[in-house]
Amino acid sequence: MRDFDEAVTRVTFGFPSVDAYYAASSSRNVISDVKTPLLVVQARDDPIAVSSATPRDAIAASEHVLLVETESGGHLGWTAGEEAPFGSPWPDLGAIQFLNALRDGAHLEGGGGGEGRGAGAAAAASESLEAAI
């Protein structure tokens, strides 16, 4: 992927190097600016959005961001269960439940990552996603 980004992506968008492109494109730079509830679903085996690039510390420090990580799933490759609406990937159901919990007045408490993810929408989404996995 890095070779592709070096040869094509950085040139297309005018970056002097692939590292400059990665630095400018990272959510690490803006995740602390998020002020509305955000559900982030990440597969640790994603070959495109690699796990090492996930800004876990910034997410954990945010009261607005919930990170749900899975061991597998690749890049948008989660499979649907029989209960999934229209065969959609299982994170869709978790996202819907997360949004419903927010609509119903739940809120994120504590940091967004790790064991102390908090309650409200975080707990609802987390329980839903864990059940779907």
Protein backbone atom coordinates (compact mmCIF):
# COMPACT_ATOMS: atom_id res chain seq x y z
CA MET A 1 0.00 0.00 0.00
CA ARG A 2 2.82 2.38 0.88
CA ASP A 3 4.36 1.86 -2.57
CA PHE A 4 1.05 2.74 -4.21
CA ASP A 5 0.64 5.83 -2.04
CA GLU A 6 4.22 6.89 -2.87
CA ALA A 7 3.78 6.41 -6.61
CA VAL A 8 0.20 7.58 -7.08
CA THR A 9 -1.60 9.13 -4.12
CA ARG A 10 1.02 11.60 -2.91
CA VAL A 11 1.78 12.70 -6.49
CA THR A 12 -1.91 13.11 -7.35
CA PHE A 13 -2.52 15.32 -4.31
CA GLY A 14 0.79 17.22 -4.44
CA PHE A 15 2.52 15.94 -1.31
CA PRO A 16 6.34 16.04 -1.24
CA SER A 17 6.53 12.54 0.29
CA VAL A 18 4.33 9.65 1.29
CA ASP A 19 5.08 10.43 4.95
CA ALA A 20 3.85 14.01 4.44
CA TYR A 21 0.66 12.60 2.90
CA TYR A 22 0.15 10.21 5.83
CA ALA A 23 0.78 12.96 8.40
CA ALA A 24 -1.66 15.36 6.74
CA SER A 25 -4.33 12.69 6.28
CA SER A 26 -4.25 11.19 9.76
CA SER A 27 -7.25 11.48 12.04
CA ARG A 28 -4.68 11.79 14.83
CA ASN A 29 -4.50 15.50 13.99
CA VAL A 30 -8.20 16.20 14.44
CA ILE A 31 -9.73 13.50 16.65
CA SER A 32 -9.43 15.75 19.71
CA ASP A 33 -11.56 18.34 17.88
CA VAL A 34 -14.56 16.00 17.65
CA LYS A 35 -17.39 17.46 19.73
CA THR A 36 -20.29 15.23 18.68
CA PRO A 37 -20.58 11.51 19.47
CA LEU A 38 -18.56 9.44 17.03
CA LEU A 39 -18.49 5.65 16.72
CA VAL A 40 -15.27 4.30 15.19
CA VAL A 41 -15.22 0.64 14.11
CA GLN A 42 -11.76 -0.65 13.24
CA ALA A 43 -10.45 -4.12 12.31
CA ARG A 44 -6.96 -4.81 13.60
CA ASP A 45 -6.14 -6.69 10.40
CA ASP A 46 -7.14 -3.82 8.07
CA PRO A 47 -4.42 -3.59 5.40
CA ILE A 48 -5.40 -0.04 4.37
CA ALA A 49 -6.22 1.70 7.67
CA VAL A 50 -3.54 -0.15 9.61
CA SER A 51 -4.04 -0.74 13.31
CA SER A 52 -0.82 1.02 14.29
CA ALA A 53 -2.21 4.26 12.83
CA THR A 54 -5.29 4.25 15.08
CA PRO A 55 -4.91 7.21 17.49
CA ARG A 56 -5.91 5.19 20.57
CA ASP A 57 -4.56 7.69 23.13
CA ALA A 58 -6.46 10.59 21.56
CA ILE A 59 -9.62 8.49 21.33
CA ALA A 60 -9.30 7.34 24.94
CA ALA A 61 -8.92 10.96 26.04
CA SER A 62 -12.08 12.02 24.20
CA GLU A 63 -15.48 11.99 25.85
CA HIS A 64 -17.08 12.06 22.39
CA VAL A 65 -15.44 9.13 20.60
CA LEU A 66 -16.02 5.41 21.07
CA LEU A 67 -13.57 2.97 19.46
CA VAL A 68 -14.71 -0.59 18.82
CA GLU A 69 -11.94 -2.83 17.50
CA THR A 70 -12.22 -6.33 16.10
CA GLU A 71 -9.43 -8.82 15.49
CA SER A 72 -10.53 -9.39 11.91
CA GLY A 73 -12.62 -7.74 9.26
CA GLY A 74 -10.02 -6.44 6.87
CA HIS A 75 -10.89 -3.20 5.12
CA LEU A 76 -14.68 -3.01 5.29
CA GLY A 77 -14.87 -6.80 5.17
CA TRP A 78 -17.10 -7.67 8.11
CA THR A 79 -19.63 -10.28 7.17
CA ALA A 80 -23.32 -10.07 7.81
CA GLY A 81 -25.24 -12.37 10.08
CA GLU A 82 -28.64 -13.77 9.22
CA GLU A 83 -30.29 -11.05 11.30
CA ALA A 84 -28.59 -8.24 9.35
CA PRO A 85 -31.01 -6.01 7.46
CA PHE A 86 -30.68 -6.58 3.71
CA GLY A 87 -27.39 -8.46 4.22
CA SER A 88 -25.60 -5.38 5.51
CA PRO A 89 -22.33 -5.86 7.45
CA TRP A 90 -22.76 -6.29 11.21
CA PRO A 91 -21.30 -2.87 12.13
CA ASP A 92 -24.35 -1.30 10.48
CA LEU A 93 -26.61 -2.71 13.21
CA GLY A 94 -24.22 -1.46 15.91
CA ALA A 95 -24.15 2.00 14.34
CA ILE A 96 -27.95 2.11 14.22
CA GLN A 97 -28.17 1.09 17.87
CA PHE A 98 -25.51 3.68 18.76
CA LEU A 99 -27.53 6.40 17.02
CA ASN A 100 -30.78 5.19 18.62
CA ALA A 101 -29.17 5.32 22.06
CA LEU A 102 -28.05 8.89 21.40
CA ARG A 103 -31.52 9.82 20.18
CA ASP A 104 -32.95 8.35 23.37
CA GLY A 105 -30.75 10.62 25.48
CA ALA A 106 -27.74 8.45 26.24
CA HIS A 107 -24.33 10.06 26.15
CA LEU A 108 -20.71 8.95 26.17
CA GLU A 109 -19.02 9.11 29.55
CA GLY A 110 -15.36 8.72 30.30
CA GLY A 111 -12.81 8.10 27.57
CA GLY A 112 -13.56 6.54 24.24
CA GLY A 113 -11.21 3.58 24.40
CA GLY A 114 -10.23 0.75 26.65
CA GLU A 115 -12.21 -0.89 29.40
CA GLY A 116 -13.50 2.38 30.87
CA ARG A 117 -15.48 3.34 27.79
CA GLY A 118 -18.33 4.63 29.85
CA ALA A 119 -22.08 4.23 29.67
CA GLY A 120 -25.03 5.38 27.64
CA ALA A 121 -24.53 5.16 23.90
CA ALA A 122 -21.09 3.66 24.40
CA ALA A 123 -22.48 0.75 26.38
CA ALA A 124 -25.39 0.24 23.99
CA ALA A 125 -23.16 0.18 20.92
CA SER A 126 -20.49 -1.90 22.61
CA GLU A 127 -22.97 -4.55 23.78
CA SER A 128 -24.61 -4.64 20.36
CA LEU A 129 -21.34 -5.01 18.51
CA GLU A 130 -20.01 -7.64 20.89
CA ALA A 131 -23.19 -9.67 20.44
CA ALA A 132 -22.88 -9.37 16.66
CA ILE A 133 -19.27 -10.54 16.65
